[in-house]
Amino acid sequence: MDDNGGRLGRLRRILERREEREAAGPSEPWRIRAGGGTPTLPVTEEVPLIRTDFSDDAVWTAVRDAVLAPHPQGRGEVFRAEVEPVEDRRFAGLAAAELVERVPADPECPEEPAATLLLVADATTVTSAEHHLLLVEIDIDENDLVRRLRVVPRAVQMVENNLTTANMGWEEFAEAADDDGVLREL
C-alpha cells in the first residue's frame, strides 16, 4: 500500500470540507462542538492505539505487536496497520466516550477532530480470549456520531487501511462482524 494513501484521502476530505465551510461561513472549533473537555490525546498522522488497561503488560505487548505486524498479501506486497501506540496512564480506565472527548482539534482544520478513528486496548481486550480491541469512529458527516466495533488484532490492518483510504465504509465492517459483535475476518 502506498504510505500516503490514507493521508492523501484525508487531505482531500479536509480540503473539500474547508471549501464547504468557507461557503457556509464561520463554524465552531471541534472541541466546542464535541462538548468541551481537555484535549489530551496526541495529534498523530496515524490512528492512535490507546492503552486504557494497565493490568497485564505481557498481553498489551502481544496485542500491540500483533496489530503492528506486517501482513503479507499477494504478489509480494506487505501491508501494515497505520497505528501509533499511545501508552499513557492518564488514559487508564477511560471509556470510549471519554477518549472521544479528549481528541484535540485538527491543527490544520480546527472545526474537525485530529483523529476520526481510535483503537482502544481496554479491559475487554486484556481479558477476552482473542484480545479483541475496541475500534471507535467519529463520523463528522453524521453530526459527530460515534460508532463502536470490536476487532481482533489480526483484522486491524485490513479495517484501518480500508477505512482510512475510504475503500470501504463502516457499515461493511459492522455487517461482517460475527453475532457476538466481533469482526474476525471479511
N, C-alpha and C. Protein backbone atom coordinates (compact mmCIF):
# COMPACT_ATOMS: atom_id res chain seq x y z
N MET A 1 0.84 -1.18 0.00
CA MET A 1 0.00 0.00 0.00
C MET A 1 0.89 1.24 0.00
N ASP A 2 0.49 2.21 -0.74
CA ASP A 2 1.19 3.48 -0.78
C ASP A 2 1.12 4.10 0.61
N ASP A 3 2.29 4.46 1.14
CA ASP A 3 2.35 5.01 2.50
C ASP A 3 1.49 6.26 2.66
N ASN A 4 1.25 6.97 1.59
CA ASN A 4 0.48 8.21 1.68
C ASN A 4 -1.00 8.02 1.35
N GLY A 5 -1.43 6.79 1.04
CA GLY A 5 -2.81 6.55 0.63
C GLY A 5 -3.83 7.11 1.60
N GLY A 6 -3.69 6.79 2.86
CA GLY A 6 -4.64 7.28 3.85
C GLY A 6 -4.52 8.77 4.08
N ARG A 7 -3.30 9.26 4.06
CA ARG A 7 -3.07 10.68 4.30
C ARG A 7 -3.59 11.52 3.14
N LEU A 8 -3.42 11.04 1.90
CA LEU A 8 -3.91 11.79 0.74
C LEU A 8 -5.43 11.86 0.74
N GLY A 9 -6.06 10.75 1.05
CA GLY A 9 -7.53 10.75 1.13
C GLY A 9 -8.02 11.69 2.21
N ARG A 10 -7.35 11.67 3.35
CA ARG A 10 -7.74 12.56 4.46
C ARG A 10 -7.53 14.02 4.07
N LEU A 11 -6.42 14.32 3.40
CA LEU A 11 -6.16 15.69 2.95
C LEU A 11 -7.21 16.14 1.95
N ARG A 12 -7.59 15.25 1.04
CA ARG A 12 -8.63 15.57 0.07
C ARG A 12 -9.95 15.91 0.78
N ARG A 13 -10.32 15.10 1.79
CA ARG A 13 -11.56 15.36 2.53
C ARG A 13 -11.47 16.67 3.31
N ILE A 14 -10.30 16.97 3.87
CA ILE A 14 -10.13 18.23 4.60
C ILE A 14 -10.31 19.41 3.66
N LEU A 15 -9.70 19.32 2.48
CA LEU A 15 -9.82 20.43 1.52
C LEU A 15 -11.26 20.60 1.05
N GLU A 16 -11.97 19.49 0.82
CA GLU A 16 -13.37 19.59 0.41
C GLU A 16 -14.21 20.23 1.51
N ARG A 17 -13.99 19.83 2.76
CA ARG A 17 -14.76 20.40 3.87
C ARG A 17 -14.41 21.87 4.09
N ARG A 18 -13.14 22.21 3.89
CA ARG A 18 -12.72 23.60 4.04
C ARG A 18 -13.46 24.48 3.03
N GLU A 19 -13.58 24.00 1.79
CA GLU A 19 -14.31 24.75 0.77
C GLU A 19 -15.79 24.88 1.15
N GLU A 20 -16.38 23.81 1.67
CA GLU A 20 -17.78 23.86 2.10
C GLU A 20 -17.97 24.85 3.24
N ARG A 21 -17.03 24.86 4.21
CA ARG A 21 -17.13 25.77 5.34
C ARG A 21 -16.99 27.22 4.91
N GLU A 22 -16.08 27.48 3.99
CA GLU A 22 -15.90 28.85 3.51
C GLU A 22 -17.17 29.36 2.85
N ALA A 23 -17.86 28.47 2.14
CA ALA A 23 -19.11 28.86 1.51
C ALA A 23 -20.22 29.06 2.54
N ALA A 24 -20.19 28.28 3.64
CA ALA A 24 -21.25 28.35 4.65
C ALA A 24 -21.01 29.42 5.70
N GLY A 25 -19.80 29.90 5.85
CA GLY A 25 -19.50 30.90 6.87
C GLY A 25 -18.77 30.28 8.04
N PRO A 26 -18.48 31.09 9.08
CA PRO A 26 -17.69 30.61 10.21
C PRO A 26 -18.38 29.49 10.99
N SER A 27 -17.55 28.62 11.58
CA SER A 27 -18.04 27.49 12.36
C SER A 27 -17.31 27.44 13.69
N GLU A 28 -17.83 26.65 14.61
CA GLU A 28 -17.18 26.49 15.91
C GLU A 28 -16.08 25.44 15.83
N PRO A 29 -15.05 25.57 16.64
CA PRO A 29 -13.99 24.56 16.66
C PRO A 29 -14.52 23.21 17.13
N TRP A 30 -13.83 22.15 16.75
CA TRP A 30 -14.21 20.78 17.09
C TRP A 30 -14.48 20.60 18.57
N ARG A 31 -13.59 21.06 19.44
CA ARG A 31 -13.76 20.80 20.87
C ARG A 31 -15.04 21.42 21.41
N ILE A 32 -15.43 22.57 20.92
CA ILE A 32 -16.67 23.19 21.39
C ILE A 32 -17.86 22.39 20.89
N ARG A 33 -17.83 22.00 19.63
CA ARG A 33 -18.92 21.20 19.07
C ARG A 33 -19.04 19.87 19.79
N ALA A 34 -17.91 19.29 20.20
CA ALA A 34 -17.93 17.97 20.84
C ALA A 34 -18.24 18.04 22.33
N GLY A 35 -18.44 19.22 22.86
CA GLY A 35 -18.84 19.32 24.25
C GLY A 35 -17.72 19.69 25.20
N GLY A 36 -16.61 20.11 24.71
CA GLY A 36 -15.54 20.56 25.58
C GLY A 36 -14.66 19.44 26.08
N GLY A 37 -14.03 19.66 27.19
CA GLY A 37 -13.07 18.68 27.72
C GLY A 37 -11.67 19.07 27.32
N THR A 38 -10.73 18.67 28.09
CA THR A 38 -9.35 19.00 27.80
C THR A 38 -8.81 18.03 26.76
N PRO A 39 -8.36 18.52 25.63
CA PRO A 39 -7.80 17.61 24.62
C PRO A 39 -6.43 17.11 25.07
N THR A 40 -6.33 15.84 25.37
CA THR A 40 -5.07 15.30 25.86
C THR A 40 -4.49 14.22 24.97
N LEU A 41 -5.25 13.68 24.03
CA LEU A 41 -4.68 12.68 23.14
C LEU A 41 -3.68 13.36 22.21
N PRO A 42 -2.60 12.68 21.89
CA PRO A 42 -1.62 13.30 21.00
C PRO A 42 -2.15 13.41 19.57
N VAL A 43 -1.73 14.42 18.87
CA VAL A 43 -2.04 14.55 17.45
C VAL A 43 -1.02 13.68 16.71
N THR A 44 -1.51 12.78 15.89
CA THR A 44 -0.64 11.85 15.19
C THR A 44 -1.12 11.69 13.76
N GLU A 45 -0.22 11.33 12.88
CA GLU A 45 -0.56 11.08 11.47
C GLU A 45 -1.28 9.74 11.33
N GLU A 46 -1.18 8.89 12.33
CA GLU A 46 -1.74 7.55 12.26
C GLU A 46 -2.88 7.41 13.26
N VAL A 47 -3.57 6.29 13.20
CA VAL A 47 -4.66 6.00 14.12
C VAL A 47 -4.05 5.70 15.49
N PRO A 48 -4.47 6.40 16.53
CA PRO A 48 -3.92 6.09 17.85
C PRO A 48 -4.44 4.75 18.39
N LEU A 49 -3.52 3.93 18.88
CA LEU A 49 -3.83 2.68 19.57
C LEU A 49 -3.63 2.98 21.05
N ILE A 50 -4.73 3.25 21.74
CA ILE A 50 -4.68 3.78 23.10
C ILE A 50 -4.82 2.66 24.12
N ARG A 51 -3.87 2.55 24.99
CA ARG A 51 -3.93 1.58 26.07
C ARG A 51 -4.67 2.21 27.24
N THR A 52 -5.79 1.59 27.63
CA THR A 52 -6.54 2.09 28.79
C THR A 52 -6.53 1.09 29.95
N ASP A 53 -6.01 -0.11 29.71
CA ASP A 53 -5.90 -1.12 30.77
C ASP A 53 -4.43 -1.43 30.98
N PHE A 54 -3.96 -1.24 32.19
CA PHE A 54 -2.55 -1.44 32.50
C PHE A 54 -2.33 -2.64 33.43
N SER A 55 -3.28 -3.59 33.42
CA SER A 55 -3.21 -4.71 34.35
C SER A 55 -2.29 -5.84 33.90
N ASP A 56 -1.93 -5.90 32.61
CA ASP A 56 -1.13 -7.02 32.13
C ASP A 56 -0.22 -6.55 31.00
N ASP A 57 1.04 -6.28 31.34
CA ASP A 57 2.00 -5.79 30.35
C ASP A 57 2.25 -6.79 29.23
N ALA A 58 2.25 -8.08 29.57
CA ALA A 58 2.53 -9.11 28.56
C ALA A 58 1.42 -9.14 27.50
N VAL A 59 0.17 -9.05 27.93
CA VAL A 59 -0.94 -9.03 26.96
C VAL A 59 -0.87 -7.77 26.11
N TRP A 60 -0.63 -6.62 26.71
CA TRP A 60 -0.50 -5.37 25.95
C TRP A 60 0.58 -5.50 24.88
N THR A 61 1.73 -6.03 25.26
CA THR A 61 2.84 -6.18 24.32
C THR A 61 2.46 -7.11 23.17
N ALA A 62 1.83 -8.22 23.50
CA ALA A 62 1.42 -9.18 22.46
C ALA A 62 0.38 -8.57 21.52
N VAL A 63 -0.60 -7.86 22.07
CA VAL A 63 -1.63 -7.24 21.24
C VAL A 63 -1.03 -6.15 20.37
N ARG A 64 -0.23 -5.29 20.97
CA ARG A 64 0.41 -4.21 20.21
C ARG A 64 1.25 -4.77 19.07
N ASP A 65 2.05 -5.78 19.36
CA ASP A 65 2.91 -6.38 18.34
C ASP A 65 2.09 -7.04 17.24
N ALA A 66 0.98 -7.68 17.60
CA ALA A 66 0.11 -8.31 16.58
C ALA A 66 -0.52 -7.25 15.67
N VAL A 67 -0.91 -6.14 16.24
CA VAL A 67 -1.50 -5.06 15.44
C VAL A 67 -0.46 -4.45 14.51
N LEU A 68 0.76 -4.28 14.99
CA LEU A 68 1.81 -3.64 14.21
C LEU A 68 2.51 -4.59 13.23
N ALA A 69 2.24 -5.88 13.32
CA ALA A 69 2.92 -6.87 12.48
C ALA A 69 2.58 -6.65 11.00
N PRO A 70 3.55 -6.93 10.11
CA PRO A 70 3.28 -6.84 8.68
C PRO A 70 2.34 -7.96 8.25
N HIS A 71 1.51 -7.66 7.26
CA HIS A 71 0.55 -8.63 6.74
C HIS A 71 0.84 -8.86 5.26
N PRO A 72 1.53 -9.97 4.93
CA PRO A 72 1.83 -10.25 3.52
C PRO A 72 0.54 -10.46 2.72
N GLN A 73 0.51 -9.87 1.55
CA GLN A 73 -0.60 -10.04 0.63
C GLN A 73 -0.04 -10.75 -0.61
N GLY A 74 -0.79 -10.83 -1.64
CA GLY A 74 -0.31 -11.45 -2.87
C GLY A 74 0.74 -10.61 -3.56
N ARG A 75 1.46 -11.21 -4.47
CA ARG A 75 2.46 -10.55 -5.31
C ARG A 75 3.55 -9.83 -4.52
N GLY A 76 3.90 -10.36 -3.36
CA GLY A 76 5.00 -9.80 -2.58
C GLY A 76 4.68 -8.52 -1.84
N GLU A 77 3.43 -8.08 -1.87
CA GLU A 77 3.06 -6.85 -1.16
C GLU A 77 2.91 -7.15 0.33
N VAL A 78 3.28 -6.17 1.13
CA VAL A 78 3.14 -6.28 2.58
C VAL A 78 2.41 -5.03 3.06
N PHE A 79 1.36 -5.23 3.84
CA PHE A 79 0.61 -4.12 4.39
C PHE A 79 0.79 -4.08 5.90
N ARG A 80 0.69 -2.90 6.45
CA ARG A 80 0.77 -2.69 7.90
C ARG A 80 -0.39 -1.80 8.32
N ALA A 81 -0.83 -2.00 9.54
CA ALA A 81 -1.80 -1.07 10.10
C ALA A 81 -1.07 0.22 10.42
N GLU A 82 -1.62 1.32 9.98
CA GLU A 82 -1.01 2.62 10.26
C GLU A 82 -1.56 3.13 11.58
N VAL A 83 -0.99 2.59 12.65
CA VAL A 83 -1.40 2.96 14.00
C VAL A 83 -0.18 3.39 14.80
N GLU A 84 -0.43 4.22 15.79
CA GLU A 84 0.63 4.65 16.70
C GLU A 84 0.23 4.33 18.13
N PRO A 85 0.97 3.45 18.80
CA PRO A 85 0.64 3.13 20.18
C PRO A 85 0.74 4.35 21.09
N VAL A 86 -0.25 4.48 21.97
CA VAL A 86 -0.29 5.55 22.97
C VAL A 86 -0.40 4.86 24.32
N GLU A 87 0.68 4.90 25.07
CA GLU A 87 0.73 4.23 26.36
C GLU A 87 0.94 5.30 27.43
N ASP A 88 -0.16 5.81 27.94
CA ASP A 88 -0.12 6.93 28.88
C ASP A 88 -1.14 6.63 29.99
N ARG A 89 -0.66 6.52 31.21
CA ARG A 89 -1.54 6.14 32.32
C ARG A 89 -2.66 7.15 32.60
N ARG A 90 -2.56 8.34 32.04
CA ARG A 90 -3.67 9.31 32.20
C ARG A 90 -4.94 8.81 31.54
N PHE A 91 -4.83 7.83 30.64
CA PHE A 91 -5.99 7.28 29.95
C PHE A 91 -6.50 5.99 30.59
N ALA A 92 -5.89 5.58 31.69
CA ALA A 92 -6.27 4.33 32.35
C ALA A 92 -7.75 4.36 32.73
N GLY A 93 -8.45 3.32 32.33
CA GLY A 93 -9.85 3.15 32.70
C GLY A 93 -10.84 4.01 31.95
N LEU A 94 -10.40 4.84 31.02
CA LEU A 94 -11.34 5.71 30.31
C LEU A 94 -12.16 4.91 29.31
N ALA A 95 -13.44 5.26 29.22
CA ALA A 95 -14.35 4.64 28.25
C ALA A 95 -14.21 5.35 26.91
N ALA A 96 -14.80 4.75 25.89
CA ALA A 96 -14.72 5.31 24.53
C ALA A 96 -15.20 6.76 24.48
N ALA A 97 -16.32 7.05 25.12
CA ALA A 97 -16.87 8.42 25.10
C ALA A 97 -15.89 9.41 25.74
N GLU A 98 -15.23 8.98 26.80
CA GLU A 98 -14.26 9.86 27.46
C GLU A 98 -13.03 10.09 26.59
N LEU A 99 -12.63 9.07 25.84
CA LEU A 99 -11.50 9.24 24.92
C LEU A 99 -11.87 10.18 23.77
N VAL A 100 -13.09 10.05 23.27
CA VAL A 100 -13.54 10.94 22.19
C VAL A 100 -13.50 12.39 22.67
N GLU A 101 -13.87 12.63 23.91
CA GLU A 101 -13.82 13.99 24.47
C GLU A 101 -12.39 14.52 24.54
N ARG A 102 -11.42 13.64 24.53
CA ARG A 102 -10.02 14.05 24.63
C ARG A 102 -9.31 14.14 23.28
N VAL A 103 -10.06 13.96 22.20
CA VAL A 103 -9.48 14.12 20.87
C VAL A 103 -9.36 15.62 20.59
N PRO A 104 -8.15 16.08 20.31
CA PRO A 104 -7.98 17.51 20.05
C PRO A 104 -8.48 17.89 18.66
N ALA A 105 -8.62 19.18 18.44
CA ALA A 105 -8.95 19.68 17.12
C ALA A 105 -7.77 19.47 16.19
N ASP A 106 -8.06 19.28 14.93
CA ASP A 106 -7.02 19.16 13.92
C ASP A 106 -6.31 20.51 13.81
N PRO A 107 -4.99 20.57 13.96
CA PRO A 107 -4.29 21.85 13.90
C PRO A 107 -4.47 22.58 12.57
N GLU A 108 -4.67 21.81 11.49
CA GLU A 108 -4.84 22.42 10.18
C GLU A 108 -6.30 22.74 9.85
N CYS A 109 -7.21 22.17 10.62
CA CYS A 109 -8.63 22.36 10.37
C CYS A 109 -9.37 22.27 11.71
N PRO A 110 -9.38 23.36 12.49
CA PRO A 110 -9.88 23.31 13.87
C PRO A 110 -11.36 22.91 14.01
N GLU A 111 -12.11 22.93 12.93
CA GLU A 111 -13.51 22.52 13.00
C GLU A 111 -13.67 21.01 13.04
N GLU A 112 -12.57 20.27 12.85
CA GLU A 112 -12.62 18.82 12.80
C GLU A 112 -11.69 18.20 13.84
N PRO A 113 -11.99 16.96 14.23
CA PRO A 113 -11.10 16.29 15.18
C PRO A 113 -9.80 15.88 14.51
N ALA A 114 -8.73 15.83 15.28
CA ALA A 114 -7.43 15.40 14.77
C ALA A 114 -7.44 13.92 14.39
N ALA A 115 -8.32 13.15 15.00
CA ALA A 115 -8.46 11.72 14.68
C ALA A 115 -9.93 11.40 14.57
N THR A 116 -10.29 10.63 13.55
CA THR A 116 -11.67 10.17 13.44
C THR A 116 -11.78 8.68 13.73
N LEU A 117 -10.64 8.02 13.88
CA LEU A 117 -10.60 6.62 14.29
C LEU A 117 -9.73 6.49 15.53
N LEU A 118 -10.19 5.72 16.49
CA LEU A 118 -9.41 5.39 17.68
C LEU A 118 -9.44 3.88 17.83
N LEU A 119 -8.33 3.32 18.23
CA LEU A 119 -8.25 1.90 18.53
C LEU A 119 -7.89 1.79 20.00
N VAL A 120 -8.71 1.05 20.77
CA VAL A 120 -8.58 1.05 22.22
C VAL A 120 -8.28 -0.35 22.74
N ALA A 121 -7.20 -0.47 23.51
CA ALA A 121 -6.87 -1.70 24.22
C ALA A 121 -7.37 -1.51 25.64
N ASP A 122 -8.56 -2.03 25.91
CA ASP A 122 -9.22 -1.82 27.20
C ASP A 122 -9.26 -3.12 28.01
N ALA A 123 -10.03 -3.11 29.09
CA ALA A 123 -10.12 -4.29 29.96
C ALA A 123 -10.64 -5.51 29.20
N THR A 124 -11.57 -5.31 28.28
CA THR A 124 -12.08 -6.43 27.49
C THR A 124 -10.98 -7.00 26.60
N THR A 125 -10.13 -6.14 26.07
CA THR A 125 -9.00 -6.60 25.26
C THR A 125 -8.11 -7.52 26.09
N VAL A 126 -7.82 -7.12 27.29
CA VAL A 126 -6.91 -7.88 28.15
C VAL A 126 -7.54 -9.20 28.58
N THR A 127 -8.83 -9.22 28.86
CA THR A 127 -9.46 -10.41 29.43
C THR A 127 -10.09 -11.35 28.41
N SER A 128 -10.38 -10.90 27.20
CA SER A 128 -11.00 -11.78 26.21
C SER A 128 -9.97 -12.75 25.64
N ALA A 129 -10.43 -13.92 25.29
CA ALA A 129 -9.52 -14.95 24.78
C ALA A 129 -8.83 -14.51 23.50
N GLU A 130 -9.53 -13.76 22.64
CA GLU A 130 -8.96 -13.30 21.37
C GLU A 130 -8.32 -11.92 21.47
N HIS A 131 -8.42 -11.31 22.63
CA HIS A 131 -7.86 -9.98 22.87
C HIS A 131 -8.35 -8.94 21.87
N HIS A 132 -9.67 -8.99 21.58
CA HIS A 132 -10.19 -8.04 20.61
C HIS A 132 -10.19 -6.62 21.15
N LEU A 133 -9.90 -5.69 20.25
CA LEU A 133 -9.79 -4.27 20.57
C LEU A 133 -11.09 -3.56 20.23
N LEU A 134 -11.26 -2.41 20.82
CA LEU A 134 -12.42 -1.58 20.52
C LEU A 134 -12.01 -0.56 19.46
N LEU A 135 -12.70 -0.57 18.33
CA LEU A 135 -12.48 0.41 17.28
C LEU A 135 -13.60 1.44 17.39
N VAL A 136 -13.22 2.71 17.44
CA VAL A 136 -14.18 3.80 17.60
C VAL A 136 -14.03 4.73 16.41
N GLU A 137 -15.16 5.06 15.80
CA GLU A 137 -15.15 6.01 14.68
C GLU A 137 -15.99 7.23 15.04
N ILE A 138 -15.44 8.40 14.76
CA ILE A 138 -16.19 9.65 14.90
C ILE A 138 -16.59 10.06 13.48
N ASP A 139 -17.86 10.02 13.18
CA ASP A 139 -18.34 10.36 11.84
C ASP A 139 -18.75 11.83 11.84
N ILE A 140 -17.87 12.69 11.36
CA ILE A 140 -18.15 14.12 11.37
C ILE A 140 -19.21 14.50 10.36
N ASP A 141 -19.44 13.64 9.35
CA ASP A 141 -20.50 13.92 8.38
C ASP A 141 -21.88 13.60 8.95
N GLU A 142 -21.92 12.86 10.04
CA GLU A 142 -23.18 12.48 10.68
C GLU A 142 -23.29 13.12 12.06
N ASN A 143 -22.99 14.40 12.16
CA ASN A 143 -23.11 15.16 13.40
C ASN A 143 -22.29 14.55 14.53
N ASP A 144 -21.06 14.15 14.20
CA ASP A 144 -20.11 13.58 15.16
C ASP A 144 -20.62 12.30 15.82
N LEU A 145 -21.35 11.52 15.06
CA LEU A 145 -21.83 10.22 15.52
C LEU A 145 -20.63 9.35 15.89
N VAL A 146 -20.70 8.68 17.04
CA VAL A 146 -19.62 7.79 17.48
C VAL A 146 -20.09 6.35 17.32
N ARG A 147 -19.32 5.59 16.55
CA ARG A 147 -19.63 4.18 16.32
C ARG A 147 -18.55 3.33 16.98
N ARG A 148 -18.95 2.11 17.38
CA ARG A 148 -18.02 1.20 18.04
C ARG A 148 -18.12 -0.19 17.42
N LEU A 149 -16.96 -0.87 17.38
CA LEU A 149 -16.91 -2.23 16.85
C LEU A 149 -15.71 -2.92 17.48
N ARG A 150 -15.85 -4.17 17.81
CA ARG A 150 -14.73 -4.97 18.33
C ARG A 150 -14.03 -5.64 17.16
N VAL A 151 -12.69 -5.65 17.21
CA VAL A 151 -11.88 -6.19 16.12
C VAL A 151 -10.72 -7.01 16.72
N VAL A 152 -10.51 -8.21 16.19
CA VAL A 152 -9.36 -8.99 16.65
C VAL A 152 -8.08 -8.35 16.09
N PRO A 153 -6.95 -8.50 16.79
CA PRO A 153 -5.72 -7.84 16.35
C PRO A 153 -5.33 -8.12 14.90
N ARG A 154 -5.50 -9.36 14.43
CA ARG A 154 -5.08 -9.69 13.07
C ARG A 154 -5.94 -9.01 11.99
N ALA A 155 -7.14 -8.51 12.36
CA ALA A 155 -8.01 -7.85 11.39
C ALA A 155 -7.86 -6.33 11.40
N VAL A 156 -7.12 -5.79 12.35
CA VAL A 156 -6.99 -4.33 12.46
C VAL A 156 -6.41 -3.72 11.19
N GLN A 157 -5.37 -4.32 10.65
CA GLN A 157 -4.74 -3.78 9.44
C GLN A 157 -5.74 -3.64 8.31
N MET A 158 -6.51 -4.67 8.06
CA MET A 158 -7.49 -4.65 6.98
C MET A 158 -8.53 -3.54 7.21
N VAL A 159 -9.04 -3.44 8.41
CA VAL A 159 -10.06 -2.45 8.72
C VAL A 159 -9.49 -1.04 8.64
N GLU A 160 -8.37 -0.81 9.31
CA GLU A 160 -7.76 0.53 9.33
C GLU A 160 -7.39 0.99 7.93
N ASN A 161 -6.71 0.14 7.17
CA ASN A 161 -6.29 0.54 5.82
C ASN A 161 -7.49 0.88 4.95
N ASN A 162 -8.54 0.10 5.02
CA ASN A 162 -9.71 0.33 4.16
C ASN A 162 -10.55 1.52 4.62
N LEU A 163 -10.66 1.75 5.91
CA LEU A 163 -11.41 2.92 6.38
C LEU A 163 -10.67 4.22 6.10
N THR A 164 -9.36 4.25 6.35
CA THR A 164 -8.63 5.50 6.18
C THR A 164 -8.44 5.87 4.71
N THR A 165 -8.50 4.90 3.82
CA THR A 165 -8.40 5.22 2.40
C THR A 165 -9.77 5.29 1.73
N ALA A 166 -10.83 5.10 2.50
CA ALA A 166 -12.21 5.15 2.02
C ALA A 166 -12.48 4.09 0.96
N ASN A 167 -11.77 2.96 1.02
CA ASN A 167 -12.06 1.84 0.13
C ASN A 167 -13.34 1.13 0.55
N MET A 168 -13.62 1.14 1.83
CA MET A 168 -14.81 0.51 2.38
C MET A 168 -15.37 1.42 3.47
N GLY A 169 -16.63 1.25 3.76
CA GLY A 169 -17.26 2.06 4.80
C GLY A 169 -17.48 1.27 6.07
N TRP A 170 -17.79 2.01 7.12
CA TRP A 170 -18.01 1.43 8.44
C TRP A 170 -19.07 0.33 8.40
N GLU A 171 -20.15 0.57 7.68
CA GLU A 171 -21.27 -0.37 7.63
C GLU A 171 -20.84 -1.74 7.12
N GLU A 172 -19.93 -1.75 6.15
CA GLU A 172 -19.47 -3.03 5.60
C GLU A 172 -18.76 -3.86 6.67
N PHE A 173 -17.99 -3.22 7.50
CA PHE A 173 -17.30 -3.94 8.57
C PHE A 173 -18.27 -4.35 9.67
N ALA A 174 -19.19 -3.46 10.01
CA ALA A 174 -20.18 -3.78 11.05
C ALA A 174 -21.03 -4.98 10.63
N GLU A 175 -21.41 -5.03 9.36
CA GLU A 175 -22.20 -6.16 8.86
C GLU A 175 -21.41 -7.46 8.83
N ALA A 176 -20.09 -7.35 8.68
CA ALA A 176 -19.24 -8.55 8.62
C ALA A 176 -18.90 -9.10 10.01
N ALA A 177 -19.23 -8.35 11.06
CA ALA A 177 -18.95 -8.83 12.42
C ALA A 177 -19.79 -10.06 12.72
N ASP A 178 -19.25 -10.92 13.55
CA ASP A 178 -19.97 -12.11 13.96
C ASP A 178 -21.12 -11.72 14.90
N ASP A 179 -21.94 -12.70 15.27
CA ASP A 179 -23.09 -12.44 16.14
C ASP A 179 -22.72 -11.83 17.48
N ASP A 180 -21.50 -12.08 17.94
CA ASP A 180 -21.07 -11.50 19.21
C ASP A 180 -20.52 -10.09 19.06
N GLY A 181 -20.60 -9.53 17.85
CA GLY A 181 -20.17 -8.14 17.62
C GLY A 181 -18.69 -7.98 17.38
N VAL A 182 -17.97 -9.07 17.16
CA VAL A 182 -16.53 -9.01 16.93
C VAL A 182 -16.23 -9.29 15.46
N LEU A 183 -15.44 -8.42 14.86
CA LEU A 183 -15.01 -8.63 13.48
C LEU A 183 -13.73 -9.46 13.50
N ARG A 184 -13.80 -10.62 12.86
CA ARG A 184 -12.64 -11.50 12.83
C ARG A 184 -12.03 -11.57 11.43
N GLU A 185 -12.84 -11.68 10.44
CA GLU A 185 -12.41 -11.75 9.03
C GLU A 185 -13.51 -11.18 8.17
N LEU A 186 -13.15 -10.83 6.95
CA LEU A 186 -14.16 -10.38 5.98
C LEU A 186 -14.52 -11.51 5.08
